[in-house]
Amino acid sequence: MTTTTRNHPTSLKASRARRPDHPPAWDWHKLTFLSTCPRCGHERLQRGYTRRNLLKLLGSRRKIDGYCIVCNVCWEISESERRAIAPQ
C-alpha cells in the first residue's frame, strides 16, 4: 500500500507569510489619498480604490466616498479633494 503526503493549507500559509512592508496581493494596485472626516476633522487615508476605478470616477464626475474608521462615518469627498487627487 502506497501513502501520499499532502501539503496542508496551514503549511502553505506559513510558507507564503506576508512581510509587514508588503501589502496583501488584493491590495497591490490600490491607491491611497487623504480626505478629511466631517465629524472629527482629522485627515484619514482612503485605500479602497484602484487607479483605474478612481480615474473613471473622477472622469465621469461620479461620487467618491471617504470613510473614517474612528467615527464609523462615510461621506462624499469634497471638490477640493477631488482636484487634489486628479491627474494633472
C-alpha atoms as a PDB file:
ATOM      1  CA  MET A   1       0.000   0.000   0.000  1.00  0.00           C
ATOM      2  CA  THR A   2       1.345   3.396  -1.009  1.00  0.00           C
ATOM      3  CA  THR A   3       0.802   6.503   1.069  1.00  0.00           C
ATOM      4  CA  THR A   4       0.980  10.039  -0.192  1.00  0.00           C
ATOM      5  CA  THR A   5       1.676  13.146   1.769  1.00  0.00           C
ATOM      6  CA  ARG A   6      -0.204  16.346   1.054  1.00  0.00           C
ATOM      7  CA  ASN A   7       0.631  19.857   1.994  1.00  0.00           C
ATOM      8  CA  HIS A   8      -1.997  21.252   4.286  1.00  0.00           C
ATOM      9  CA  PRO A   9      -3.315  24.802   3.749  1.00  0.00           C
ATOM     10  CA  THR A  10      -1.795  25.881   7.052  1.00  0.00           C
ATOM     11  CA  SER A  11       1.689  24.927   5.877  1.00  0.00           C
ATOM     12  CA  LEU A  12       1.107  26.844   2.627  1.00  0.00           C
ATOM     13  CA  LYS A  13       0.042  29.903   4.568  1.00  0.00           C
ATOM     14  CA  ALA A  14       3.167  29.737   6.680  1.00  0.00           C
ATOM     15  CA  SER A  15       5.394  29.455   3.616  1.00  0.00           C
ATOM     16  CA  ARG A  16       3.700  32.453   1.986  1.00  0.00           C
ATOM     17  CA  ALA A  17       3.583  34.617   5.068  1.00  0.00           C
ATOM     18  CA  ARG A  18       3.269  38.294   4.203  1.00  0.00           C
ATOM     19  CA  ARG A  19       6.065  40.597   5.179  1.00  0.00           C
ATOM     20  CA  PRO A  20       4.918  43.714   7.059  1.00  0.00           C
ATOM     21  CA  ASP A  21       6.315  46.045   4.382  1.00  0.00           C
ATOM     22  CA  HIS A  22       4.357  44.316   1.567  1.00  0.00           C
ATOM     23  CA  PRO A  23       0.595  44.722   1.125  1.00  0.00           C
ATOM     24  CA  PRO A  24      -1.528  41.620   0.505  1.00  0.00           C
ATOM     25  CA  ALA A  25      -1.972  40.658  -3.149  1.00  0.00           C
ATOM     26  CA  TRP A  26      -5.508  42.067  -3.378  1.00  0.00           C
ATOM     27  CA  ASP A  27      -4.214  45.460  -2.209  1.00  0.00           C
ATOM     28  CA  TRP A  28      -1.245  45.877  -4.594  1.00  0.00           C
ATOM     29  CA  HIS A  29      -2.961  48.139  -7.077  1.00  0.00           C
ATOM     30  CA  LYS A  30      -4.969  50.256  -4.652  1.00  0.00           C
ATOM     31  CA  LEU A  31      -4.109  53.938  -4.322  1.00  0.00           C
ATOM     32  CA  THR A  32      -4.266  55.935  -1.125  1.00  0.00           C
ATOM     33  CA  PHE A  33      -5.329  59.534  -0.711  1.00  0.00           C
ATOM     34  CA  LEU A  34      -6.267  61.782   2.196  1.00  0.00           C
ATOM     35  CA  SER A  35      -9.748  63.021   2.943  1.00  0.00           C
ATOM     36  CA  THR A  36     -10.916  64.997   5.973  1.00  0.00           C
ATOM     37  CA  CYS A  37     -13.589  63.419   8.151  1.00  0.00           C
ATOM     38  CA  PRO A  38     -16.538  65.825   8.503  1.00  0.00           C
ATOM     39  CA  ARG A  39     -17.285  64.591  12.017  1.00  0.00           C
ATOM     40  CA  CYS A  40     -13.894  64.641  13.792  1.00  0.00           C
ATOM     41  CA  GLY A  41     -11.965  66.880  11.370  1.00  0.00           C
ATOM     42  CA  HIS A  42      -8.964  64.535  11.074  1.00  0.00           C
ATOM     43  CA  GLU A  43      -7.429  63.561   7.759  1.00  0.00           C
ATOM     44  CA  ARG A  44      -7.935  59.867   7.042  1.00  0.00           C
ATOM     45  CA  LEU A  45      -6.189  57.690   4.480  1.00  0.00           C
ATOM     46  CA  GLN A  46      -8.616  56.312   1.901  1.00  0.00           C
ATOM     47  CA  ARG A  47      -7.493  52.975   0.448  1.00  0.00           C
ATOM     48  CA  GLY A  48     -10.419  51.375  -1.356  1.00  0.00           C
ATOM     49  CA  TYR A  49      -9.899  52.441  -4.972  1.00  0.00           C
ATOM     50  CA  THR A  50      -7.699  51.120  -7.738  1.00  0.00           C
ATOM     51  CA  ARG A  51      -6.094  53.647 -10.084  1.00  0.00           C
ATOM     52  CA  ARG A  52      -8.426  52.616 -12.909  1.00  0.00           C
ATOM     53  CA  ASN A  53     -11.597  52.954 -10.801  1.00  0.00           C
ATOM     54  CA  LEU A  54     -10.526  56.243  -9.278  1.00  0.00           C
ATOM     55  CA  LEU A  55      -9.741  57.773 -12.679  1.00  0.00           C
ATOM     56  CA  LYS A  56     -13.067  56.508 -14.044  1.00  0.00           C
ATOM     57  CA  LEU A  57     -14.969  58.078 -11.118  1.00  0.00           C
ATOM     58  CA  LEU A  58     -13.099  61.359 -11.489  1.00  0.00           C
ATOM     59  CA  GLY A  59     -13.647  61.483 -15.239  1.00  0.00           C
ATOM     60  CA  SER A  60     -17.363  60.772 -15.033  1.00  0.00           C
ATOM     61  CA  ARG A  61     -17.927  63.125 -12.069  1.00  0.00           C
ATOM     62  CA  ARG A  62     -19.375  60.273 -10.027  1.00  0.00           C
ATOM     63  CA  LYS A  63     -19.366  60.130  -6.242  1.00  0.00           C
ATOM     64  CA  ILE A  64     -16.131  59.129  -4.455  1.00  0.00           C
ATOM     65  CA  ASP A  65     -16.626  58.106  -0.847  1.00  0.00           C
ATOM     66  CA  GLY A  66     -14.354  58.643   2.120  1.00  0.00           C
ATOM     67  CA  TYR A  67     -14.542  56.696   5.372  1.00  0.00           C
ATOM     68  CA  CYS A  68     -13.391  57.370   8.939  1.00  0.00           C
ATOM     69  CA  ILE A  69     -12.774  54.196  10.896  1.00  0.00           C
ATOM     70  CA  VAL A  70     -12.774  56.062  14.232  1.00  0.00           C
ATOM     71  CA  CYS A  71     -16.150  57.786  13.732  1.00  0.00           C
ATOM     72  CA  ASN A  72     -17.602  54.997  11.552  1.00  0.00           C
ATOM     73  CA  VAL A  73     -18.919  57.584   9.097  1.00  0.00           C
ATOM     74  CA  CYS A  74     -18.915  57.651   5.294  1.00  0.00           C
ATOM     75  CA  TRP A  75     -19.019  60.851   3.195  1.00  0.00           C
ATOM     76  CA  GLU A  76     -18.571  62.114  -0.336  1.00  0.00           C
ATOM     77  CA  ILE A  77     -15.156  63.721  -0.763  1.00  0.00           C
ATOM     78  CA  SER A  78     -15.107  67.468  -1.410  1.00  0.00           C
ATOM     79  CA  GLU A  79     -14.437  69.180  -4.724  1.00  0.00           C
ATOM     80  CA  SER A  80     -11.047  70.434  -3.497  1.00  0.00           C
ATOM     81  CA  GLU A  81     -10.068  66.858  -2.535  1.00  0.00           C
ATOM     82  CA  ARG A  82     -11.178  65.661  -5.979  1.00  0.00           C
ATOM     83  CA  ARG A  83      -8.908  68.267  -7.607  1.00  0.00           C
ATOM     84  CA  ALA A  84      -6.016  67.230  -5.353  1.00  0.00           C
ATOM     85  CA  ILE A  85      -6.167  63.578  -6.436  1.00  0.00           C
ATOM     86  CA  ALA A  86      -6.978  64.230 -10.111  1.00  0.00           C
ATOM     87  CA  PRO A  87      -4.109  63.706 -12.566  1.00  0.00           C
ATOM     88  CA  GLN A  88      -2.537  66.928 -13.799  1.00  0.00           C
END
